[in-house]
Amino acid sequence: MIRSMTGYGRGEAMGEDLTVTVELRSVNNRYLDCTVKMPRAYLFAEDALKERIQNKVGRGKVDVFVNVAHTGGADMEVTVNESLAKSYIEALRKLYEIDGGNYIKKSGYAADLARFPDVLTVEKKEEDQERAKSLLLEAMERALDDFNAMREREGEKLREDVLGRASEIEVLTGKVEERSPGIVADYRARLAAKMAEVLHNNQIDESRILTEAAIYADKVAVDEETVRLRSHISQLRLMLEQGGGVGRKLDFLVQEFNREANTIGSKCNDIETSRYVVDIKAEIEKIREQIQNIE
């Protein structure tokens, strides 16, 4: 399966008091470049998240956004500073000695004591890292599945477009091959006409014309280049059929496409063939642009 390097995916995992959301966004890049943005309290899971991405993404610039939400306040706990509370009680005893200690027996006493600074402290419970890591990885897996599904849909469109353009190159290559014998015939006719014009008679050395035509035919022969170009097209189709991370291989292969097209263009001093070569190069450039998006 061919995958595009650009995509988006989202995944969510929920626990009793914890909801984790992971979002993935990617753009083209020569290699895999992964950046994870997450709360500092959960950085202990960053390497594990990156490892999951590396297992399922070949290349591209991937930005990961992790959001962790706590529900119901279950992650908080209230602690009593007992030593400070006892100090306050002792101080209150002294203040209310004149009342015979009756005040401290009243029901509202504990609530009044709680209002004193630092008697009660609200703190965040220590995170269960294994449970949190499990939820983070679960959300990541769902996000990656969504992310890769989108990339595969885009990859299929790229594959169809590249194959269509490869077929067009094949058709144009056939036209170059059909035109090639005519180039030599035209050259021979022009050469004969020129010699007749120069010599002003019909006593033309036919063997000399044949020799010159043979030399010219060897110079403009593009059989090797068209055969190689067709071979490259077959190889491209095979790579797209096999799928996987073939983007870089395709990039190198398209360079070979260009090399053969340039050689054909330099050999064929013919207007019609030059038009075919220009069209071939245009299709090659469009293929090159498309495979820049393939993983």
Protein backbone atom coordinates (compact mmCIF):
# COMPACT_ATOMS: atom_id res chain seq x y z
CA MET A 1 0.00 0.00 0.00
CA ILE A 2 1.34 3.42 -1.01
CA ARG A 3 1.06 6.14 1.63
CA SER A 4 1.22 9.88 1.40
CA MET A 5 3.53 11.71 3.81
CA THR A 6 0.80 14.25 4.62
CA GLY A 7 -2.04 13.30 6.92
CA TYR A 8 -4.00 13.81 10.12
CA GLY A 9 -5.20 11.40 12.79
CA ARG A 10 -6.91 11.58 16.17
CA GLY A 11 -7.28 9.04 18.95
CA GLU A 12 -8.81 9.05 22.42
CA ALA A 13 -8.61 6.76 25.44
CA MET A 14 -10.60 7.10 28.65
CA GLY A 15 -9.93 5.84 32.16
CA GLU A 16 -11.92 6.21 35.39
CA ASP A 17 -10.68 9.73 36.01
CA LEU A 18 -8.42 10.39 33.03
CA THR A 19 -9.09 11.17 29.36
CA VAL A 20 -6.18 11.20 26.90
CA THR A 21 -6.41 12.69 23.40
CA VAL A 22 -3.63 12.34 20.81
CA GLU A 23 -3.54 14.20 17.49
CA LEU A 24 -1.04 13.62 14.66
CA ARG A 25 -0.26 15.97 11.80
CA SER A 26 2.43 15.44 9.17
CA VAL A 27 3.95 17.14 6.14
CA ASN A 28 6.65 16.14 3.65
CA ASN A 29 10.18 15.64 4.87
CA ARG A 30 13.21 13.77 3.59
CA TYR A 31 13.49 11.73 6.79
CA LEU A 32 11.29 11.01 9.82
CA ASP A 33 11.23 14.02 12.13
CA CYS A 34 8.91 13.56 15.10
CA THR A 35 8.03 16.26 17.64
CA VAL A 36 5.83 15.47 20.65
CA LYS A 37 4.08 18.25 22.57
CA MET A 38 2.61 17.03 25.85
CA PRO A 39 2.19 18.08 29.52
CA ARG A 40 5.44 17.99 31.46
CA ALA A 41 3.95 15.62 34.00
CA TYR A 42 3.74 12.91 31.31
CA LEU A 43 7.14 13.27 29.68
CA PHE A 44 8.04 9.84 31.10
CA ALA A 45 6.00 8.34 28.23
CA GLU A 46 7.49 10.43 25.41
CA ASP A 47 10.04 7.83 24.26
CA ALA A 48 7.39 5.10 24.19
CA LEU A 49 5.10 7.29 22.07
CA LYS A 50 7.92 8.08 19.62
CA GLU A 51 8.75 4.40 19.34
CA ARG A 52 5.17 3.60 18.30
CA ILE A 53 5.36 6.30 15.62
CA GLN A 54 8.70 5.00 14.30
CA ASN A 55 7.19 1.52 13.98
CA LYS A 56 4.37 2.76 11.74
CA VAL A 57 5.69 5.85 9.95
CA GLY A 58 8.62 5.76 7.53
CA ARG A 59 9.32 9.43 6.92
CA GLY A 60 7.78 12.88 7.12
CA LYS A 61 7.66 15.69 9.66
CA VAL A 62 5.19 14.46 12.28
CA ASP A 63 3.82 16.74 15.00
CA VAL A 64 2.15 14.99 17.93
CA PHE A 65 -0.18 16.84 20.30
CA VAL A 66 -1.11 15.11 23.57
CA ASN A 67 -3.84 16.41 25.84
CA VAL A 68 -4.59 14.88 29.27
CA ALA A 69 -7.77 15.83 31.10
CA HIS A 70 -8.67 14.80 34.66
CA THR A 71 -12.34 14.36 35.55
CA GLY A 72 -14.19 14.79 38.83
CA GLY A 73 -11.25 15.97 40.91
CA ALA A 74 -10.31 12.41 41.82
CA ASP A 75 -6.69 13.29 41.15
CA MET A 76 -6.63 15.70 44.13
CA GLU A 77 -6.40 14.94 47.86
CA VAL A 78 -6.70 17.02 51.02
CA THR A 79 -4.03 16.61 53.70
CA VAL A 80 -4.04 17.90 57.32
CA ASN A 81 -0.97 19.59 58.75
CA GLU A 82 -1.40 17.97 62.16
CA SER A 83 1.50 19.66 63.91
CA LEU A 84 0.33 23.09 62.79
CA ALA A 85 -3.26 22.29 63.79
CA LYS A 86 -2.13 21.27 67.28
CA SER A 87 -0.22 24.54 67.59
CA TYR A 88 -3.36 26.47 66.67
CA ILE A 89 -5.41 24.45 69.20
CA GLU A 90 -2.92 25.21 71.95
CA ALA A 91 -3.02 28.88 71.07
CA LEU A 92 -6.82 28.86 71.11
CA ARG A 93 -6.85 27.17 74.50
CA LYS A 94 -4.86 30.02 75.93
CA LEU A 95 -7.11 32.60 74.26
CA TYR A 96 -10.28 31.06 75.59
CA GLU A 97 -9.21 30.11 79.13
CA ILE A 98 -11.62 32.66 80.46
CA ASP A 99 -14.44 30.64 78.94
CA GLY A 100 -13.37 27.51 80.69
CA GLY A 101 -12.62 25.75 77.45
CA ASN A 102 -16.28 25.61 76.48
CA TYR A 103 -15.63 27.08 73.04
CA ILE A 104 -13.51 24.24 71.83
CA LYS A 105 -16.34 21.81 72.54
CA LYS A 106 -18.67 23.55 70.16
CA SER A 107 -19.52 21.75 66.89
CA GLY A 108 -18.23 24.54 64.70
CA TYR A 109 -14.78 24.38 66.19
CA ALA A 110 -13.26 22.05 63.53
CA ALA A 111 -14.61 24.19 60.69
CA ASP A 112 -13.18 27.32 62.32
CA LEU A 113 -9.83 25.62 62.76
CA ALA A 114 -9.80 24.60 59.09
CA ARG A 115 -9.94 28.26 58.08
CA PHE A 116 -6.53 28.96 59.57
CA PRO A 117 -3.72 29.20 56.99
CA ASP A 118 -2.01 25.98 55.94
CA VAL A 119 -4.01 23.70 58.23
CA LEU A 120 -5.57 22.00 55.21
CA THR A 121 -3.60 21.54 51.99
CA VAL A 122 -5.02 20.45 48.63
CA GLU A 123 -2.47 18.50 46.67
CA LYS A 124 -2.41 16.48 43.47
CA LYS A 125 -2.20 12.74 44.02
CA GLU A 126 0.90 10.98 42.83
CA GLU A 127 0.28 9.83 39.26
CA ASP A 128 -0.02 6.12 38.55
CA GLN A 129 2.51 6.20 35.73
CA GLU A 130 1.83 2.73 34.39
CA ARG A 131 -1.90 3.39 34.14
CA ALA A 132 -1.32 6.79 32.52
CA LYS A 133 1.24 5.34 30.08
CA SER A 134 -1.18 2.60 29.10
CA LEU A 135 -3.88 5.17 28.27
CA LEU A 136 -1.38 7.33 26.35
CA LEU A 137 -0.28 4.39 24.21
CA GLU A 138 -3.87 3.31 23.63
CA ALA A 139 -4.77 6.79 22.39
CA MET A 140 -1.62 6.86 20.25
CA GLU A 141 -2.51 3.55 18.57
CA ARG A 142 -5.97 4.84 17.68
CA ALA A 143 -4.54 8.10 16.38
CA LEU A 144 -1.98 6.19 14.27
CA ASP A 145 -4.69 3.94 12.79
CA ASP A 146 -6.73 7.02 11.82
CA PHE A 147 -3.59 8.79 10.58
CA ASN A 148 -2.43 5.91 8.39
CA ALA A 149 -5.91 5.33 6.98
CA MET A 150 -5.95 8.91 5.72
CA ARG A 151 -2.42 8.59 4.32
CA GLU A 152 -3.36 5.40 2.49
CA ARG A 153 -6.38 7.09 0.87
CA GLU A 154 -4.15 9.94 -0.30
CA GLY A 155 -1.48 7.45 -1.38
CA GLU A 156 -3.95 5.59 -3.60
CA LYS A 157 -4.78 8.84 -5.41
CA LEU A 158 -1.07 9.53 -5.90
CA ARG A 159 -0.51 6.01 -7.22
CA GLU A 160 -3.30 6.33 -9.78
CA ASP A 161 -2.02 9.69 -10.97
CA VAL A 162 1.59 8.49 -11.32
CA LEU A 163 0.53 5.35 -13.19
CA GLY A 164 -1.57 7.41 -15.57
CA ARG A 165 1.36 9.68 -16.35
CA ALA A 166 3.69 6.70 -16.79
CA SER A 167 1.28 5.29 -19.38
CA GLU A 168 1.33 8.62 -21.21
CA ILE A 169 5.15 8.55 -21.25
CA GLU A 170 4.96 5.04 -22.70
CA VAL A 171 2.68 6.25 -25.50
CA LEU A 172 4.99 9.18 -26.28
CA THR A 173 8.01 6.86 -26.26
CA GLY A 174 6.25 4.71 -28.87
CA LYS A 175 5.77 7.79 -31.05
CA VAL A 176 9.49 8.58 -30.76
CA GLU A 177 10.30 5.03 -31.87
CA GLU A 178 7.90 5.29 -34.80
CA ARG A 179 9.39 8.59 -35.85
CA SER A 180 13.03 7.48 -35.58
CA PRO A 181 13.30 5.65 -38.99
CA GLY A 182 11.68 8.60 -40.72
CA ILE A 183 14.39 10.93 -39.40
CA VAL A 184 17.08 8.95 -41.21
CA ALA A 185 14.99 8.75 -44.40
CA ASP A 186 14.43 12.51 -44.35
CA TYR A 187 18.15 13.10 -43.82
CA ARG A 188 19.01 10.83 -46.74
CA ALA A 189 16.57 12.63 -49.04
CA ARG A 190 17.91 16.04 -48.01
CA LEU A 191 21.48 14.84 -48.50
CA ALA A 192 20.72 13.52 -52.00
CA ALA A 193 18.97 16.77 -52.95
CA LYS A 194 21.88 18.83 -51.68
CA MET A 195 24.44 16.80 -53.58
CA ALA A 196 22.37 17.03 -56.77
CA GLU A 197 22.18 20.79 -56.31
CA VAL A 198 25.92 21.09 -55.80
CA LEU A 199 26.90 18.75 -58.63
CA HIS A 200 24.27 20.11 -61.07
CA ASN A 201 23.75 16.66 -62.56
CA ASN A 202 22.33 13.28 -61.73
CA GLN A 203 25.66 11.48 -61.36
CA ILE A 204 25.40 11.10 -57.60
CA ASP A 205 27.56 8.67 -55.68
CA GLU A 206 24.88 6.50 -54.09
CA SER A 207 27.40 4.67 -51.92
CA ARG A 208 28.55 7.97 -50.42
CA ILE A 209 24.96 8.87 -49.57
CA LEU A 210 24.42 5.47 -47.96
CA THR A 211 27.59 5.85 -45.92
CA GLU A 212 26.64 9.32 -44.69
CA ALA A 213 23.10 8.15 -43.92
CA ALA A 214 24.47 5.20 -41.94
CA ILE A 215 26.74 7.46 -39.90
CA TYR A 216 23.85 9.83 -39.22
CA ALA A 217 21.54 6.95 -38.30
CA ASP A 218 24.05 5.76 -35.73
CA LYS A 219 24.28 9.24 -34.22
CA VAL A 220 20.52 9.71 -33.89
CA ALA A 221 19.61 6.15 -32.89
CA VAL A 222 17.57 6.19 -29.67
CA ASP A 223 16.77 2.49 -29.45
CA GLU A 224 18.85 1.99 -26.31
CA GLU A 225 17.32 5.01 -24.58
CA THR A 226 13.71 4.08 -25.39
CA VAL A 227 14.30 0.49 -24.23
CA ARG A 228 15.73 1.74 -20.95
CA LEU A 229 12.88 4.22 -20.57
CA ARG A 230 10.34 1.43 -21.00
CA SER A 231 12.29 -0.64 -18.47
CA HIS A 232 12.15 2.23 -15.98
CA ILE A 233 8.38 2.49 -16.49
CA SER A 234 8.00 -1.23 -15.74
CA GLN A 235 10.13 -0.82 -12.62
CA LEU A 236 8.02 2.12 -11.49
CA ARG A 237 4.83 0.08 -11.85
CA LEU A 238 6.36 -2.77 -9.89
CA MET A 239 7.38 -0.46 -7.03
CA LEU A 240 3.91 1.06 -6.85
CA GLU A 241 2.37 -2.41 -6.87
CA GLN A 242 4.61 -3.65 -4.05
CA GLY A 243 3.94 -0.54 -1.95
CA GLY A 244 5.67 0.30 1.32
CA GLY A 245 8.20 3.08 1.79
CA VAL A 246 9.24 3.49 -1.86
CA GLY A 247 9.27 7.28 -2.06
CA ARG A 248 13.05 7.67 -2.10
CA LYS A 249 13.52 4.81 -4.56
CA LEU A 250 10.98 6.40 -6.88
CA ASP A 251 12.82 9.69 -6.60
CA PHE A 252 16.05 8.06 -7.81
CA LEU A 253 14.19 6.22 -10.58
CA VAL A 254 12.66 9.45 -11.91
CA GLN A 255 16.17 10.88 -12.20
CA GLU A 256 16.88 8.02 -14.62
CA PHE A 257 13.71 8.91 -16.54
CA ASN A 258 15.06 12.42 -16.99
CA ARG A 259 18.47 11.18 -18.09
CA GLU A 260 17.01 9.05 -20.88
CA ALA A 261 14.66 11.82 -22.02
CA ASN A 262 17.51 14.32 -22.16
CA THR A 263 19.64 11.92 -24.21
CA ILE A 264 16.81 11.32 -26.68
CA GLY A 265 16.30 15.06 -27.02
CA SER A 266 19.98 15.71 -27.67
CA LYS A 267 20.21 12.98 -30.32
CA CYS A 268 17.10 13.74 -32.32
CA ASN A 269 17.52 16.91 -34.34
CA ASP A 270 13.92 16.76 -35.44
CA ILE A 271 11.07 19.14 -34.61
CA GLU A 272 8.36 16.49 -34.26
CA THR A 273 10.51 14.28 -32.03
CA SER A 274 11.49 17.32 -29.97
CA ARG A 275 7.81 17.95 -29.28
CA TYR A 276 7.42 14.39 -28.04
CA VAL A 277 10.47 14.77 -25.81
CA VAL A 278 9.11 18.02 -24.33
CA ASP A 279 5.83 16.24 -23.54
CA ILE A 280 7.73 13.32 -21.98
CA LYS A 281 9.72 15.72 -19.78
CA ALA A 282 6.53 17.49 -18.72
CA GLU A 283 5.01 14.19 -17.59
CA ILE A 284 8.23 13.21 -15.80
CA GLU A 285 8.22 16.51 -13.90
CA LYS A 286 4.61 15.96 -12.83
CA ILE A 287 5.53 12.47 -11.61
CA ARG A 288 8.50 13.92 -9.73
CA GLU A 289 6.22 16.43 -7.98
CA GLN A 290 3.77 13.71 -6.98
CA ILE A 291 6.31 11.27 -5.58
CA GLN A 292 7.65 14.01 -3.29
CA ASN A 293 4.46 13.29 -1.30
CA ILE A 294 4.99 9.52 -1.14
CA GLU A 295 6.45 8.01 2.01
